[in-house]
């Protein structure tokens, strides 16, 4: 019974027990943060993440299965290879109509 009556300053083992509890809480918080990451390699879902949407430094990260691809914008509109394929019109109700050329 004397062990329970001792002061914490006299018995340093009581402080160590408290530190172990703090570290367990920190480890649990880190595991939860990793599990909620959309690019978690253990998730079976396909995910697309868009960083800085609409800005010159926009980046698109696509995860399909076990492969992760990253596409970075160079800030130029219409850059790359390809040709104009048509025109898109937005109607008054918000719908879009594509007219092929």
PDB file of N, CA and C in Angstrom:
ATOM      1  N   UNK A   1       0.813  -1.185   0.000  1.00  0.00           N
ATOM      2  CA  UNK A   1       0.000   0.000   0.000  1.00  0.00           C
ATOM      3  C   UNK A   1       0.864   1.260   0.000  1.00  0.00           C
ATOM      4  N   UNK A   2       2.102   1.125   0.415  1.00  0.00           N
ATOM      5  CA  UNK A   2       3.003   2.267   0.495  1.00  0.00           C
ATOM      6  C   UNK A   2       3.309   2.822  -0.898  1.00  0.00           C
ATOM      7  N   UNK A   3       3.301   1.990  -1.965  1.00  0.00           N
ATOM      8  CA  UNK A   3       3.590   2.430  -3.324  1.00  0.00           C
ATOM      9  C   UNK A   3       2.557   3.452  -3.795  1.00  0.00           C
ATOM     10  N   UNK A   4       1.316   3.265  -3.443  1.00  0.00           N
ATOM     11  CA  UNK A   4       0.268   4.187  -3.850  1.00  0.00           C
ATOM     12  C   UNK A   4       0.316   5.500  -3.096  1.00  0.00           C
ATOM     13  N   UNK A   5       0.875   5.510  -1.916  1.00  0.00           N
ATOM     14  CA  UNK A   5       0.936   6.713  -1.104  1.00  0.00           C
ATOM     15  C   UNK A   5       2.149   7.584  -1.422  1.00  0.00           C
ATOM     16  N   UNK A   6       3.113   7.072  -2.201  1.00  0.00           N
ATOM     17  CA  UNK A   6       4.333   7.815  -2.482  1.00  0.00           C
ATOM     18  C   UNK A   6       4.057   9.008  -3.378  1.00  0.00           C
ATOM     19  N   UNK A   7       4.850  10.020  -3.239  1.00  0.00           N
ATOM     20  CA  UNK A   7       4.735  11.220  -4.054  1.00  0.00           C
ATOM     21  C   UNK A   7       5.309  10.946  -5.447  1.00  0.00           C
ATOM     22  N   UNK A   8       4.809  11.622  -6.449  1.00  0.00           N
ATOM     23  CA  UNK A   8       5.278  11.412  -7.823  1.00  0.00           C
ATOM     24  C   UNK A   8       6.727  11.845  -7.981  1.00  0.00           C
ATOM     25  N   UNK A   9       7.155  12.826  -7.210  1.00  0.00           N
ATOM     26  CA  UNK A   9       8.544  13.256  -7.260  1.00  0.00           C
ATOM     27  C   UNK A   9       9.490  12.210  -6.719  1.00  0.00           C
ATOM     28  N   UNK A  10       9.015  11.352  -5.832  1.00  0.00           N
ATOM     29  CA  UNK A  10       9.845  10.311  -5.251  1.00  0.00           C
ATOM     30  C   UNK A  10       9.883   9.094  -6.166  1.00  0.00           C
ATOM     31  N   UNK A  11       8.776   8.743  -6.789  1.00  0.00           N
ATOM     32  CA  UNK A  11       8.695   7.555  -7.643  1.00  0.00           C
ATOM     33  C   UNK A  11       8.574   7.991  -9.105  1.00  0.00           C
ATOM     34  N   UNK A  12       9.678   7.994  -9.868  1.00  0.00           N
ATOM     35  CA  UNK A  12       9.637   8.447 -11.261  1.00  0.00           C
ATOM     36  C   UNK A  12       8.882   7.481 -12.186  1.00  0.00           C
ATOM     37  N   UNK A  13       8.601   6.284 -11.755  1.00  0.00           N
ATOM     38  CA  UNK A  13       7.876   5.330 -12.601  1.00  0.00           C
ATOM     39  C   UNK A  13       6.453   5.815 -12.886  1.00  0.00           C
ATOM     40  N   UNK A  14       5.867   6.586 -11.983  1.00  0.00           N
ATOM     41  CA  UNK A  14       4.523   7.115 -12.213  1.00  0.00           C
ATOM     42  C   UNK A  14       4.508   8.107 -13.367  1.00  0.00           C
ATOM     43  N   UNK A  15       5.557   8.891 -13.531  1.00  0.00           N
ATOM     44  CA  UNK A  15       5.646   9.829 -14.654  1.00  0.00           C
ATOM     45  C   UNK A  15       5.813   9.094 -15.969  1.00  0.00           C
ATOM     46  N   UNK A  16       6.568   8.015 -15.960  1.00  0.00           N
ATOM     47  CA  UNK A  16       6.779   7.227 -17.180  1.00  0.00           C
ATOM     48  C   UNK A  16       5.467   6.626 -17.664  1.00  0.00           C
ATOM     49  N   UNK A  17       4.628   6.189 -16.754  1.00  0.00           N
ATOM     50  CA  UNK A  17       3.332   5.631 -17.129  1.00  0.00           C
ATOM     51  C   UNK A  17       2.497   6.692 -17.845  1.00  0.00           C
ATOM     52  N   UNK A  18       2.542   7.928 -17.383  1.00  0.00           N
ATOM     53  CA  UNK A  18       1.806   9.005 -18.032  1.00  0.00           C
ATOM     54  C   UNK A  18       2.350   9.294 -19.421  1.00  0.00           C
ATOM     55  N   UNK A  19       3.661   9.244 -19.600  1.00  0.00           N
ATOM     56  CA  UNK A  19       4.259   9.459 -20.924  1.00  0.00           C
ATOM     57  C   UNK A  19       3.842   8.375 -21.909  1.00  0.00           C
ATOM     58  N   UNK A  20       3.765   7.147 -21.462  1.00  0.00           N
ATOM     59  CA  UNK A  20       3.331   6.048 -22.324  1.00  0.00           C
ATOM     60  C   UNK A  20       1.907   6.307 -22.810  1.00  0.00           C
ATOM     61  N   UNK A  21       1.034   6.795 -21.954  1.00  0.00           N
ATOM     62  CA  UNK A  21      -0.338   7.115 -22.348  1.00  0.00           C
ATOM     63  C   UNK A  21      -0.371   8.213 -23.413  1.00  0.00           C
ATOM     64  N   UNK A  22       0.453   9.227 -23.252  1.00  0.00           N
ATOM     65  CA  UNK A  22       0.507  10.323 -24.227  1.00  0.00           C
ATOM     66  C   UNK A  22       0.973   9.806 -25.578  1.00  0.00           C
ATOM     67  N   UNK A  23       1.993   8.967 -25.593  1.00  0.00           N
ATOM     68  CA  UNK A  23       2.493   8.429 -26.858  1.00  0.00           C
ATOM     69  C   UNK A  23       1.462   7.527 -27.532  1.00  0.00           C
ATOM     70  N   UNK A  24       0.691   6.781 -26.777  1.00  0.00           N
ATOM     71  CA  UNK A  24      -0.367   5.951 -27.364  1.00  0.00           C
ATOM     72  C   UNK A  24      -1.424   6.805 -28.052  1.00  0.00           C
ATOM     73  N   UNK A  25      -1.774   7.922 -27.457  1.00  0.00           N
ATOM     74  CA  UNK A  25      -2.743   8.827 -28.076  1.00  0.00           C
ATOM     75  C   UNK A  25      -2.175   9.422 -29.354  1.00  0.00           C
ATOM     76  N   UNK A  26      -0.900   9.817 -29.347  1.00  0.00           N
ATOM     77  CA  UNK A  26      -0.271  10.364 -30.549  1.00  0.00           C
ATOM     78  C   UNK A  26      -0.212   9.337 -31.675  1.00  0.00           C
ATOM     79  N   UNK A  27       0.130   8.116 -31.358  1.00  0.00           N
ATOM     80  CA  UNK A  27       0.187   7.049 -32.368  1.00  0.00           C
ATOM     81  C   UNK A  27      -1.196   6.798 -32.954  1.00  0.00           C
ATOM     82  N   UNK A  28      -2.221   6.784 -32.132  1.00  0.00           N
ATOM     83  CA  UNK A  28      -3.591   6.590 -32.624  1.00  0.00           C
ATOM     84  C   UNK A  28      -4.000   7.726 -33.549  1.00  0.00           C
ATOM     85  N   UNK A  29      -3.637   8.967 -33.211  1.00  0.00           N
ATOM     86  CA  UNK A  29      -3.972  10.111 -34.066  1.00  0.00           C
ATOM     87  C   UNK A  29      -3.264  10.017 -35.416  1.00  0.00           C
ATOM     88  N   UNK A  30      -1.999   9.596 -35.423  1.00  0.00           N
ATOM     89  CA  UNK A  30      -1.274   9.436 -36.680  1.00  0.00           C
ATOM     90  C   UNK A  30      -1.880   8.340 -37.549  1.00  0.00           C
ATOM     91  N   UNK A  31      -2.271   7.231 -36.954  1.00  0.00           N
ATOM     92  CA  UNK A  31      -2.891   6.155 -37.720  1.00  0.00           C
ATOM     93  C   UNK A  31      -4.212   6.592 -38.337  1.00  0.00           C
ATOM     94  N   UNK A  32      -4.988   7.368 -37.612  1.00  0.00           N
ATOM     95  CA  UNK A  32      -6.249   7.871 -38.157  1.00  0.00           C
ATOM     96  C   UNK A  32      -5.985   8.831 -39.317  1.00  0.00           C
ATOM     97  N   UNK A  33      -4.975   9.693 -39.184  1.00  0.00           N
ATOM     98  CA  UNK A  33      -4.639  10.633 -40.258  1.00  0.00           C
ATOM     99  C   UNK A  33      -4.181   9.904 -41.513  1.00  0.00           C
ATOM    100  N   UNK A  34      -3.404   8.850 -41.368  1.00  0.00           N
ATOM    101  CA  UNK A  34      -2.942   8.079 -42.524  1.00  0.00           C
ATOM    102  C   UNK A  34      -4.102   7.351 -43.179  1.00  0.00           C
ATOM    103  N   UNK A  35      -5.009   6.810 -42.399  1.00  0.00           N
ATOM    104  CA  UNK A  35      -6.146   6.066 -42.948  1.00  0.00           C
ATOM    105  C   UNK A  35      -7.094   6.964 -43.727  1.00  0.00           C
ATOM    106  N   UNK A  36      -7.179   8.253 -43.386  1.00  0.00           N
ATOM    107  CA  UNK A  36      -8.090   9.157 -44.072  1.00  0.00           C
ATOM    108  C   UNK A  36      -7.457   9.840 -45.277  1.00  0.00           C
ATOM    109  N   UNK A  37      -6.197   9.596 -45.561  1.00  0.00           N
ATOM    110  CA  UNK A  37      -5.525  10.170 -46.716  1.00  0.00           C
ATOM    111  C   UNK A  37      -6.095   9.556 -47.990  1.00  0.00           C
ATOM    112  N   UNK A  38      -6.577  10.376 -48.951  1.00  0.00           N
ATOM    113  CA  UNK A  38      -7.166   9.800 -50.161  1.00  0.00           C
ATOM    114  C   UNK A  38      -6.163   9.051 -51.034  1.00  0.00           C
ATOM    115  N   UNK A  39      -4.876   9.329 -50.893  1.00  0.00           N
ATOM    116  CA  UNK A  39      -3.858   8.638 -51.694  1.00  0.00           C
ATOM    117  C   UNK A  39      -3.244   7.469 -50.943  1.00  0.00           C
ATOM    118  N   UNK A  40      -3.917   7.002 -49.911  1.00  0.00           N
ATOM    119  CA  UNK A  40      -3.452   5.858 -49.128  1.00  0.00           C
ATOM    120  C   UNK A  40      -3.291   4.648 -50.044  1.00  0.00           C
ATOM    121  N   UNK A  41      -2.104   4.037 -50.100  1.00  0.00           N
ATOM    122  CA  UNK A  41      -1.893   2.908 -51.022  1.00  0.00           C
ATOM    123  C   UNK A  41      -2.691   1.668 -50.659  1.00  0.00           C
ATOM    124  N   UNK A  42      -3.274   1.600 -49.470  1.00  0.00           N
ATOM    125  CA  UNK A  42      -4.020   0.422 -49.055  1.00  0.00           C
ATOM    126  C   UNK A  42      -5.498   0.506 -49.425  1.00  0.00           C
ATOM    127  N   UNK A  43      -5.949   1.644 -49.932  1.00  0.00           N
ATOM    128  CA  UNK A  43      -7.338   1.772 -50.373  1.00  0.00           C
ATOM    129  C   UNK A  43      -7.497   1.150 -51.757  1.00  0.00           C
ATOM    130  N   UNK A  44      -8.614   0.489 -51.995  1.00  0.00           N
ATOM    131  CA  UNK A  44      -8.857  -0.155 -53.280  1.00  0.00           C
ATOM    132  C   UNK A  44      -9.547   0.785 -54.259  1.00  0.00           C
ATOM    133  N   UNK A  45      -9.866   2.000 -53.836  1.00  0.00           N
ATOM    134  CA  UNK A  45     -10.598   2.936 -54.671  1.00  0.00           C
ATOM    135  C   UNK A  45      -9.665   3.674 -55.626  1.00  0.00           C
ATOM    136  N   UNK A  46     -10.221   4.098 -56.787  1.00  0.00           N
ATOM    137  CA  UNK A  46      -9.510   5.005 -57.680  1.00  0.00           C
ATOM    138  C   UNK A  46      -9.839   6.421 -57.241  1.00  0.00           C
ATOM    139  N   UNK A  47      -8.811   7.290 -57.158  1.00  0.00           N
ATOM    140  CA  UNK A  47      -8.993   8.632 -56.612  1.00  0.00           C
ATOM    141  C   UNK A  47      -8.334   9.653 -57.525  1.00  0.00           C
ATOM    142  N   UNK A  48      -8.980  10.818 -57.681  1.00  0.00           N
ATOM    143  CA  UNK A  48      -8.397  11.954 -58.385  1.00  0.00           C
ATOM    144  C   UNK A  48      -8.385  13.145 -57.436  1.00  0.00           C
ATOM    145  N   UNK A  49      -7.209  13.750 -57.246  1.00  0.00           N
ATOM    146  CA  UNK A  49      -7.060  14.903 -56.365  1.00  0.00           C
ATOM    147  C   UNK A  49      -6.603  16.077 -57.219  1.00  0.00           C
ATOM    148  N   UNK A  50      -7.278  17.231 -57.076  1.00  0.00           N
ATOM    149  CA  UNK A  50      -6.906  18.443 -57.810  1.00  0.00           C
ATOM    150  C   UNK A  50      -6.409  19.463 -56.795  1.00  0.00           C
ATOM    151  N   UNK A  51      -5.163  19.877 -56.959  1.00  0.00           N
ATOM    152  CA  UNK A  51      -4.565  20.876 -56.073  1.00  0.00           C
ATOM    153  C   UNK A  51      -4.527  22.212 -56.800  1.00  0.00           C
ATOM    154  N   UNK A  52      -4.842  23.295 -56.110  1.00  0.00           N
ATOM    155  CA  UNK A  52      -4.824  24.656 -56.658  1.00  0.00           C
ATOM    156  C   UNK A  52      -5.677  24.754 -57.918  1.00  0.00           C
ATOM    157  N   UNK A  53      -6.933  24.331 -57.841  1.00  0.00           N
ATOM    158  CA  UNK A  53      -7.823  24.282 -59.003  1.00  0.00           C
ATOM    159  C   UNK A  53      -7.996  25.662 -59.632  1.00  0.00           C
ATOM    160  N   UNK A  54      -7.822  25.724 -60.954  1.00  0.00           N
ATOM    161  CA  UNK A  54      -8.028  26.952 -61.708  1.00  0.00           C
ATOM    162  C   UNK A  54      -6.883  27.937 -61.667  1.00  0.00           C
ATOM    163  N   UNK A  55      -5.795  27.609 -61.001  1.00  0.00           N
ATOM    164  CA  UNK A  55      -4.657  28.525 -60.906  1.00  0.00           C
ATOM    165  C   UNK A  55      -3.548  28.068 -61.857  1.00  0.00           C
ATOM    166  N   UNK A  56      -2.559  28.937 -62.048  1.00  0.00           N
ATOM    167  CA  UNK A  56      -1.455  28.616 -62.961  1.00  0.00           C
ATOM    168  C   UNK A  56      -0.629  27.426 -62.504  1.00  0.00           C
ATOM    169  N   UNK A  57      -0.580  27.158 -61.201  1.00  0.00           N
ATOM    170  CA  UNK A  57       0.229  26.050 -60.677  1.00  0.00           C
ATOM    171  C   UNK A  57      -0.643  24.847 -60.300  1.00  0.00           C
ATOM    172  N   UNK A  58      -1.751  24.652 -61.028  1.00  0.00           N
ATOM    173  CA  UNK A  58      -2.667  23.552 -60.741  1.00  0.00           C
ATOM    174  C   UNK A  58      -1.972  22.205 -60.972  1.00  0.00           C
ATOM    175  N   UNK A  59      -2.317  21.233 -60.117  1.00  0.00           N
ATOM    176  CA  UNK A  59      -1.753  19.886 -60.237  1.00  0.00           C
ATOM    177  C   UNK A  59      -2.881  18.872 -60.060  1.00  0.00           C
ATOM    178  N   UNK A  60      -2.891  17.861 -60.919  1.00  0.00           N
ATOM    179  CA  UNK A  60      -3.880  16.791 -60.832  1.00  0.00           C
ATOM    180  C   UNK A  60      -3.139  15.497 -60.517  1.00  0.00           C
ATOM    181  N   UNK A  61      -3.567  14.816 -59.452  1.00  0.00           N
ATOM    182  CA  UNK A  61      -2.964  13.546 -59.042  1.00  0.00           C
ATOM    183  C   UNK A  61      -4.030  12.474 -59.203  1.00  0.00           C
ATOM    184  N   UNK A  62      -3.714  11.441 -59.993  1.00  0.00           N
ATOM    185  CA  UNK A  62      -4.669  10.369 -60.285  1.00  0.00           C
ATOM    186  C   UNK A  62      -4.104   9.066 -59.750  1.00  0.00           C
ATOM    187  N   UNK A  63      -4.897   8.364 -58.920  1.00  0.00           N
ATOM    188  CA  UNK A  63      -4.503   7.061 -58.383  1.00  0.00           C
ATOM    189  C   UNK A  63      -5.454   6.018 -58.946  1.00  0.00           C
ATOM    190  N   UNK A  64      -4.919   5.113 -59.749  1.00  0.00           N
ATOM    191  CA  UNK A  64      -5.683   3.994 -60.295  1.00  0.00           C
ATOM    192  C   UNK A  64      -4.984   2.717 -59.862  1.00  0.00           C
ATOM    193  N   UNK A  65      -5.642   1.963 -58.998  1.00  0.00           N
ATOM    194  CA  UNK A  65      -5.026   0.740 -58.483  1.00  0.00           C
ATOM    195  C   UNK A  65      -3.790   1.070 -57.671  1.00  0.00           C
ATOM    196  N   UNK A  66      -2.651   0.531 -58.103  1.00  0.00           N
ATOM    197  CA  UNK A  66      -1.392   0.772 -57.388  1.00  0.00           C
ATOM    198  C   UNK A  66      -0.542   1.850 -58.034  1.00  0.00           C
ATOM    199  N   UNK A  67      -1.003   2.435 -59.152  1.00  0.00           N
ATOM    200  CA  UNK A  67      -0.206   3.446 -59.850  1.00  0.00           C
ATOM    201  C   UNK A  67      -0.730   4.833 -59.528  1.00  0.00           C
ATOM    202  N   UNK A  68       0.185   5.775 -59.324  1.00  0.00           N
ATOM    203  CA  UNK A  68      -0.144   7.166 -59.058  1.00  0.00           C
ATOM    204  C   UNK A  68       0.539   8.022 -60.115  1.00  0.00           C
ATOM    205  N   UNK A  69      -0.261   8.835 -60.830  1.00  0.00           N
ATOM    206  CA  UNK A  69       0.269   9.732 -61.849  1.00  0.00           C
ATOM    207  C   UNK A  69       0.008  11.169 -61.422  1.00  0.00           C
ATOM    208  N   UNK A  70       0.940  12.057 -61.757  1.00  0.00           N
ATOM    209  CA  UNK A  70       0.805  13.467 -61.422  1.00  0.00           C
ATOM    210  C   UNK A  70       0.929  14.287 -62.696  1.00  0.00           C
ATOM    211  N   UNK A  71      -0.006  15.215 -62.875  1.00  0.00           N
ATOM    212  CA  UNK A  71       0.006  16.108 -64.029  1.00  0.00           C
ATOM    213  C   UNK A  71       0.070  17.533 -63.515  1.00  0.00           C
ATOM    214  N   UNK A  72       1.088  18.292 -63.968  1.00  0.00           N
ATOM    215  CA  UNK A  72       1.266  19.667 -63.517  1.00  0.00           C
ATOM    216  C   UNK A  72       1.021  20.629 -64.670  1.00  0.00           C
ATOM    217  N   UNK A  73       0.361  21.732 -64.346  1.00  0.00           N
ATOM    218  CA  UNK A  73       0.079  22.762 -65.331  1.00  0.00           C
ATOM    219  C   UNK A  73       1.315  23.625 -65.531  1.00  0.00           C
ATOM    220  N   UNK A  74       1.532  24.057 -66.784  1.00  0.00           N
ATOM    221  CA  UNK A  74       2.638  24.988 -67.019  1.00  0.00           C
ATOM    222  C   UNK A  74       2.141  26.429 -67.072  1.00  0.00           C
ATOM    223  N   UNK A  75       0.851  26.635 -66.812  1.00  0.00           N
ATOM    224  CA  UNK A  75       0.299  27.981 -66.731  1.00  0.00           C
ATOM    225  C   UNK A  75      -0.162  28.551 -68.049  1.00  0.00           C
ATOM    226  N   UNK A  76      -0.013  27.816 -69.152  1.00  0.00           N
ATOM    227  CA  UNK A  76      -0.412  28.303 -70.474  1.00  0.00           C
ATOM    228  C   UNK A  76      -1.727  27.650 -70.880  1.00  0.00           C
ATOM    229  N   UNK A  77      -2.609  28.428 -71.445  1.00  0.00           N
ATOM    230  CA  UNK A  77      -3.874  27.899 -71.935  1.00  0.00           C
ATOM    231  C   UNK A  77      -3.662  27.328 -73.334  1.00  0.00           C
ATOM    232  N   UNK A  78      -4.161  26.142 -73.567  1.00  0.00           N
ATOM    233  CA  UNK A  78      -4.066  25.539 -74.892  1.00  0.00           C
ATOM    234  C   UNK A  78      -2.707  24.955 -75.209  1.00  0.00           C
ATOM    235  N   UNK A  79      -1.873  24.720 -74.228  1.00  0.00           N
ATOM    236  CA  UNK A  79      -0.555  24.150 -74.464  1.00  0.00           C
ATOM    237  C   UNK A  79      -0.678  22.657 -74.719  1.00  0.00           C
ATOM    238  N   UNK A  80       0.242  22.105 -75.456  1.00  0.00           N
ATOM    239  CA  UNK A  80       0.242  20.676 -75.725  1.00  0.00           C
ATOM    240  C   UNK A  80      -0.106  20.377 -77.169  1.00  0.00           C
ATOM    241  N   UNK A  81      -0.165  19.098 -77.488  1.00  0.00           N
ATOM    242  CA  UNK A  81      -0.480  18.694 -78.853  1.00  0.00           C
ATOM    243  C   UNK A  81      -1.969  18.415 -78.957  1.00  0.00           C
ATOM    244  N   UNK A  82      -2.503  18.679 -80.104  1.00  0.00           N
ATOM    245  CA  UNK A  82      -3.930  18.448 -80.327  1.00  0.00           C
ATOM    246  C   UNK A  82      -4.502  19.524 -81.225  1.00  0.00           C
ATOM    247  N   UNK A  83      -5.774  19.388 -81.511  1.00  0.00           N
ATOM    248  CA  UNK A  83      -6.445  20.377 -82.359  1.00  0.00           C
ATOM    249  C   UNK A  83      -7.833  20.632 -81.806  1.00  0.00           C
ATOM    250  N   UNK A  84      -8.425  21.728 -82.225  1.00  0.00           N
ATOM    251  CA  UNK A  84      -9.760  22.088 -81.778  1.00  0.00           C
ATOM    252  C   UNK A  84     -10.754  21.100 -82.369  1.00  0.00           C
ATOM    253  N   UNK A  85     -11.612  20.539 -81.517  1.00  0.00           N
ATOM    254  CA  UNK A  85     -12.544  19.507 -81.970  1.00  0.00           C
ATOM    255  C   UNK A  85     -13.980  20.007 -82.047  1.00  0.00           C
ATOM    256  N   UNK A  86     -14.258  21.161 -81.478  1.00  0.00           N
ATOM    257  CA  UNK A  86     -15.625  21.654 -81.494  1.00  0.00           C
ATOM    258  C   UNK A  86     -15.787  22.831 -80.559  1.00  0.00           C
ATOM    259  N   UNK A  87     -17.050  23.178 -80.326  1.00  0.00           N
ATOM    260  CA  UNK A  87     -17.367  24.307 -79.460  1.00  0.00           C
ATOM    261  C   UNK A  87     -18.418  23.874 -78.454  1.00  0.00           C
ATOM    262  N   UNK A  88     -18.285  24.341 -77.233  1.00  0.00           N
ATOM    263  CA  UNK A  88     -19.256  24.037 -76.185  1.00  0.00           C
ATOM    264  C   UNK A  88     -20.021  25.309 -75.860  1.00  0.00           C
ATOM    265  N   UNK A  89     -21.335  25.174 -75.706  1.00  0.00           N
ATOM    266  CA  UNK A  89     -22.210  26.291 -75.365  1.00  0.00           C
ATOM    267  C   UNK A  89     -22.938  25.981 -74.068  1.00  0.00           C
ATOM    268  N   UNK A  90     -23.007  26.978 -73.179  1.00  0.00           N
ATOM    269  CA  UNK A  90     -23.763  26.814 -71.943  1.00  0.00           C
ATOM    270  C   UNK A  90     -25.128  27.466 -72.133  1.00  0.00           C
ATOM    271  N   UNK A  91     -26.164  26.688 -71.874  1.00  0.00           N
ATOM    272  CA  UNK A  91     -27.522  27.171 -72.054  1.00  0.00           C
ATOM    273  C   UNK A  91     -27.965  27.939 -70.801  1.00  0.00           C
ATOM    274  N   UNK A  92     -29.123  28.604 -70.889  1.00  0.00           N
ATOM    275  CA  UNK A  92     -29.632  29.425 -69.780  1.00  0.00           C
ATOM    276  C   UNK A  92     -29.926  28.583 -68.538  1.00  0.00           C
ATOM    277  N   UNK A  93     -30.306  27.307 -68.741  1.00  0.00           N
ATOM    278  CA  UNK A  93     -30.613  26.448 -67.607  1.00  0.00           C
ATOM    279  C   UNK A  93     -29.366  25.797 -66.995  1.00  0.00           C
ATOM    280  N   UNK A  94     -28.195  26.097 -67.531  1.00  0.00           N
ATOM    281  CA  UNK A  94     -26.954  25.573 -66.987  1.00  0.00           C
ATOM    282  C   UNK A  94     -26.442  24.324 -67.698  1.00  0.00           C
ATOM    283  N   UNK A  95     -27.225  23.764 -68.609  1.00  0.00           N
ATOM    284  CA  UNK A  95     -26.770  22.588 -69.344  1.00  0.00           C
ATOM    285  C   UNK A  95     -25.764  22.993 -70.408  1.00  0.00           C
ATOM    286  N   UNK A  96     -24.966  22.027 -70.847  1.00  0.00           N
ATOM    287  CA  UNK A  96     -23.929  22.276 -71.835  1.00  0.00           C
ATOM    288  C   UNK A  96     -24.256  21.522 -73.127  1.00  0.00           C
ATOM    289  N   UNK A  97     -24.000  22.168 -74.257  1.00  0.00           N
ATOM    290  CA  UNK A  97     -24.182  21.532 -75.566  1.00  0.00           C
ATOM    291  C   UNK A  97     -22.857  21.609 -76.293  1.00  0.00           C
ATOM    292  N   UNK A  98     -22.417  20.470 -76.808  1.00  0.00           N
ATOM    293  CA  UNK A  98     -21.152  20.397 -77.557  1.00  0.00           C
ATOM    294  C   UNK A  98     -21.480  20.246 -79.038  1.00  0.00           C
ATOM    295  N   UNK A  99     -20.892  21.108 -79.874  1.00  0.00           N
ATOM    296  CA  UNK A  99     -21.083  21.039 -81.314  1.00  0.00           C
ATOM    297  C   UNK A  99     -19.745  20.683 -81.935  1.00  0.00           C
ATOM    298  N   UNK A 100     -19.700  19.479 -82.561  1.00  0.00           N
ATOM    299  CA  UNK A 100     -18.460  19.014 -83.204  1.00  0.00           C
ATOM    300  C   UNK A 100     -18.243  19.768 -84.511  1.00  0.00           C
ATOM    301  N   UNK A 101     -16.996  20.106 -84.790  1.00  0.00           N
ATOM    302  CA  UNK A 101     -16.680  20.818 -86.038  1.00  0.00           C
ATOM    303  C   UNK A 101     -16.336  19.866 -87.138  1.00  0.00           C
TER     304      UNK A 101
END
